[in-house]
Amino acid sequence: FCRWLCYCHVPGLCDSLPRSETTVIFGRTLLRSVFRTMRRQLLDKFRAEKDKMPPDKRTLVLTHFPR
């Protein structure tokens, strides 16, 4: 958490700090390990709120989200 906060989040709020990509800081292995869980949670959220979304955004999210 500290690494993400220092290299990814805070530099987005403060222009004087260089911002790094999450894949550079953590590596692909960690991102692959959390992607499946994160994907499931996001899709569940989108499906629950799909009636509130505009049709174009709904189509984009539900059909083009990476497997």
N, C-alpha and C. Protein backbone atom coordinates (compact mmCIF):
# COMPACT_ATOMS: atom_id res chain seq x y z
N PHE A 1 0.82 -1.18 0.00
CA PHE A 1 0.00 0.00 0.00
C PHE A 1 0.87 1.26 0.00
N CYS A 2 1.91 1.22 0.79
CA CYS A 2 2.80 2.38 0.89
C CYS A 2 3.46 2.67 -0.47
N ARG A 3 3.88 1.61 -1.15
CA ARG A 3 4.51 1.78 -2.46
C ARG A 3 3.53 2.39 -3.46
N TRP A 4 2.31 1.90 -3.48
CA TRP A 4 1.30 2.44 -4.38
C TRP A 4 1.00 3.90 -4.05
N LEU A 5 0.87 4.19 -2.76
CA LEU A 5 0.57 5.55 -2.32
C LEU A 5 1.67 6.52 -2.74
N CYS A 6 2.93 6.13 -2.50
CA CYS A 6 4.06 7.03 -2.78
C CYS A 6 4.36 7.21 -4.26
N TYR A 7 4.19 6.14 -5.04
CA TYR A 7 4.59 6.21 -6.45
C TYR A 7 3.45 6.43 -7.44
N CYS A 8 2.23 6.09 -7.05
CA CYS A 8 1.12 6.15 -8.00
C CYS A 8 0.05 7.18 -7.61
N HIS A 9 -0.39 7.18 -6.38
CA HIS A 9 -1.52 8.02 -5.98
C HIS A 9 -1.12 9.46 -5.66
N VAL A 10 -0.18 9.65 -4.76
CA VAL A 10 0.22 11.00 -4.34
C VAL A 10 0.75 11.83 -5.51
N PRO A 11 1.60 11.27 -6.40
CA PRO A 11 2.04 12.07 -7.54
C PRO A 11 0.91 12.53 -8.45
N GLY A 12 -0.21 11.85 -8.43
CA GLY A 12 -1.37 12.31 -9.20
C GLY A 12 -2.00 13.55 -8.59
N LEU A 13 -1.79 13.73 -7.30
CA LEU A 13 -2.33 14.90 -6.60
C LEU A 13 -1.33 16.04 -6.53
N CYS A 14 -0.06 15.73 -6.62
CA CYS A 14 1.01 16.72 -6.48
C CYS A 14 1.85 16.73 -7.76
N ASP A 15 1.81 17.82 -8.50
CA ASP A 15 2.48 17.88 -9.80
C ASP A 15 4.01 17.86 -9.71
N SER A 16 4.58 18.16 -8.56
CA SER A 16 6.03 18.23 -8.45
C SER A 16 6.68 16.84 -8.32
N LEU A 17 5.88 15.80 -8.07
CA LEU A 17 6.42 14.44 -7.95
C LEU A 17 6.20 13.67 -9.23
N PRO A 18 7.19 12.87 -9.64
CA PRO A 18 7.00 12.06 -10.86
C PRO A 18 6.04 10.91 -10.59
N ARG A 19 5.12 10.70 -11.52
CA ARG A 19 4.13 9.63 -11.38
C ARG A 19 4.59 8.40 -12.13
N SER A 20 4.42 7.24 -11.52
CA SER A 20 4.83 5.98 -12.14
C SER A 20 3.61 5.13 -12.44
N GLU A 21 3.73 4.28 -13.45
CA GLU A 21 2.66 3.35 -13.79
C GLU A 21 2.66 2.21 -12.77
N THR A 22 1.49 1.70 -12.46
CA THR A 22 1.36 0.64 -11.48
C THR A 22 2.11 -0.61 -11.90
N THR A 23 2.11 -0.93 -13.20
CA THR A 23 2.82 -2.13 -13.66
C THR A 23 4.32 -2.01 -13.46
N VAL A 24 4.85 -0.80 -13.55
CA VAL A 24 6.28 -0.59 -13.35
C VAL A 24 6.64 -0.77 -11.87
N ILE A 25 5.80 -0.29 -10.99
CA ILE A 25 6.07 -0.36 -9.56
C ILE A 25 5.89 -1.78 -9.01
N PHE A 26 4.83 -2.47 -9.39
CA PHE A 26 4.52 -3.77 -8.81
C PHE A 26 4.88 -4.96 -9.69
N GLY A 27 4.93 -4.76 -10.97
CA GLY A 27 5.20 -5.88 -11.87
C GLY A 27 3.91 -6.55 -12.30
N ARG A 28 3.99 -7.29 -13.37
CA ARG A 28 2.80 -7.94 -13.93
C ARG A 28 2.28 -9.08 -13.07
N THR A 29 3.15 -9.73 -12.33
CA THR A 29 2.74 -10.88 -11.54
C THR A 29 1.67 -10.51 -10.52
N LEU A 30 1.90 -9.43 -9.79
CA LEU A 30 0.92 -9.00 -8.80
C LEU A 30 -0.38 -8.57 -9.48
N LEU A 31 -0.27 -7.83 -10.56
CA LEU A 31 -1.48 -7.38 -11.25
C LEU A 31 -2.29 -8.55 -11.80
N ARG A 32 -1.62 -9.57 -12.29
CA ARG A 32 -2.34 -10.76 -12.77
C ARG A 32 -3.04 -11.48 -11.63
N SER A 33 -2.42 -11.47 -10.45
CA SER A 33 -3.02 -12.18 -9.33
C SER A 33 -4.26 -11.48 -8.78
N VAL A 34 -4.34 -10.16 -8.89
CA VAL A 34 -5.50 -9.44 -8.37
C VAL A 34 -6.53 -9.12 -9.45
N PHE A 35 -6.16 -9.29 -10.74
CA PHE A 35 -7.06 -8.87 -11.80
C PHE A 35 -8.35 -9.69 -11.83
N ARG A 36 -8.26 -10.99 -11.61
CA ARG A 36 -9.45 -11.84 -11.69
C ARG A 36 -10.49 -11.40 -10.65
N THR A 37 -10.06 -11.16 -9.42
CA THR A 37 -10.97 -10.72 -8.35
C THR A 37 -11.52 -9.33 -8.64
N MET A 38 -10.65 -8.43 -9.06
CA MET A 38 -11.08 -7.07 -9.37
C MET A 38 -12.07 -7.06 -10.53
N ARG A 39 -11.80 -7.87 -11.55
CA ARG A 39 -12.69 -7.94 -12.71
C ARG A 39 -14.08 -8.41 -12.29
N ARG A 40 -14.14 -9.44 -11.46
CA ARG A 40 -15.42 -9.98 -11.00
C ARG A 40 -16.19 -8.92 -10.22
N GLN A 41 -15.51 -8.20 -9.33
CA GLN A 41 -16.17 -7.17 -8.54
C GLN A 41 -16.70 -6.03 -9.41
N LEU A 42 -15.88 -5.61 -10.39
CA LEU A 42 -16.32 -4.53 -11.29
C LEU A 42 -17.51 -4.96 -12.14
N LEU A 43 -17.46 -6.15 -12.70
CA LEU A 43 -18.58 -6.62 -13.51
C LEU A 43 -19.85 -6.78 -12.68
N ASP A 44 -19.74 -7.24 -11.44
CA ASP A 44 -20.91 -7.34 -10.57
C ASP A 44 -21.51 -5.95 -10.31
N LYS A 45 -20.63 -4.98 -10.09
CA LYS A 45 -21.10 -3.61 -9.85
C LYS A 45 -21.79 -3.05 -11.10
N PHE A 46 -21.17 -3.25 -12.27
CA PHE A 46 -21.76 -2.75 -13.51
C PHE A 46 -23.10 -3.42 -13.80
N ARG A 47 -23.18 -4.71 -13.56
CA ARG A 47 -24.45 -5.42 -13.80
C ARG A 47 -25.54 -4.93 -12.86
N ALA A 48 -25.17 -4.63 -11.62
CA ALA A 48 -26.16 -4.14 -10.64
C ALA A 48 -26.66 -2.75 -11.01
N GLU A 49 -25.79 -1.95 -11.64
CA GLU A 49 -26.16 -0.57 -11.97
C GLU A 49 -26.40 -0.36 -13.46
N LYS A 50 -26.57 -1.42 -14.22
CA LYS A 50 -26.67 -1.27 -15.68
C LYS A 50 -27.90 -0.49 -16.12
N ASP A 51 -28.97 -0.49 -15.32
CA ASP A 51 -30.16 0.27 -15.69
C ASP A 51 -29.95 1.77 -15.55
N LYS A 52 -29.00 2.17 -14.72
CA LYS A 52 -28.72 3.59 -14.49
C LYS A 52 -27.72 4.15 -15.50
N MET A 53 -27.00 3.27 -16.21
CA MET A 53 -25.96 3.70 -17.16
C MET A 53 -26.56 4.09 -18.49
N PRO A 54 -25.93 5.05 -19.17
CA PRO A 54 -26.34 5.34 -20.55
C PRO A 54 -26.07 4.12 -21.43
N PRO A 55 -26.89 3.89 -22.45
CA PRO A 55 -26.75 2.68 -23.29
C PRO A 55 -25.37 2.52 -23.93
N ASP A 56 -24.75 3.61 -24.36
CA ASP A 56 -23.44 3.48 -25.01
C ASP A 56 -22.37 3.03 -24.02
N LYS A 57 -22.41 3.55 -22.80
CA LYS A 57 -21.44 3.15 -21.79
C LYS A 57 -21.69 1.70 -21.36
N ARG A 58 -22.94 1.33 -21.24
CA ARG A 58 -23.29 -0.04 -20.85
C ARG A 58 -22.74 -1.04 -21.87
N THR A 59 -22.91 -0.76 -23.14
CA THR A 59 -22.41 -1.64 -24.19
C THR A 59 -20.89 -1.72 -24.15
N LEU A 60 -20.25 -0.60 -23.98
CA LEU A 60 -18.78 -0.56 -23.92
C LEU A 60 -18.26 -1.40 -22.76
N VAL A 61 -18.82 -1.22 -21.59
CA VAL A 61 -18.33 -1.90 -20.39
C VAL A 61 -18.62 -3.39 -20.43
N LEU A 62 -19.84 -3.77 -20.73
CA LEU A 62 -20.23 -5.17 -20.63
C LEU A 62 -19.75 -6.03 -21.80
N THR A 63 -19.43 -5.44 -22.95
CA THR A 63 -18.99 -6.26 -24.08
C THR A 63 -17.50 -6.16 -24.35
N HIS A 64 -16.85 -5.06 -23.99
CA HIS A 64 -15.45 -4.88 -24.34
C HIS A 64 -14.49 -5.02 -23.15
N PHE A 65 -15.01 -5.38 -21.99
CA PHE A 65 -14.14 -5.54 -20.83
C PHE A 65 -13.26 -6.77 -21.06
N PRO A 66 -11.95 -6.65 -20.79
CA PRO A 66 -11.04 -7.77 -21.07
C PRO A 66 -11.41 -9.03 -20.31
N ARG A 67 -11.25 -10.16 -20.95
CA ARG A 67 -11.52 -11.43 -20.31
C ARG A 67 -10.38 -11.75 -19.39
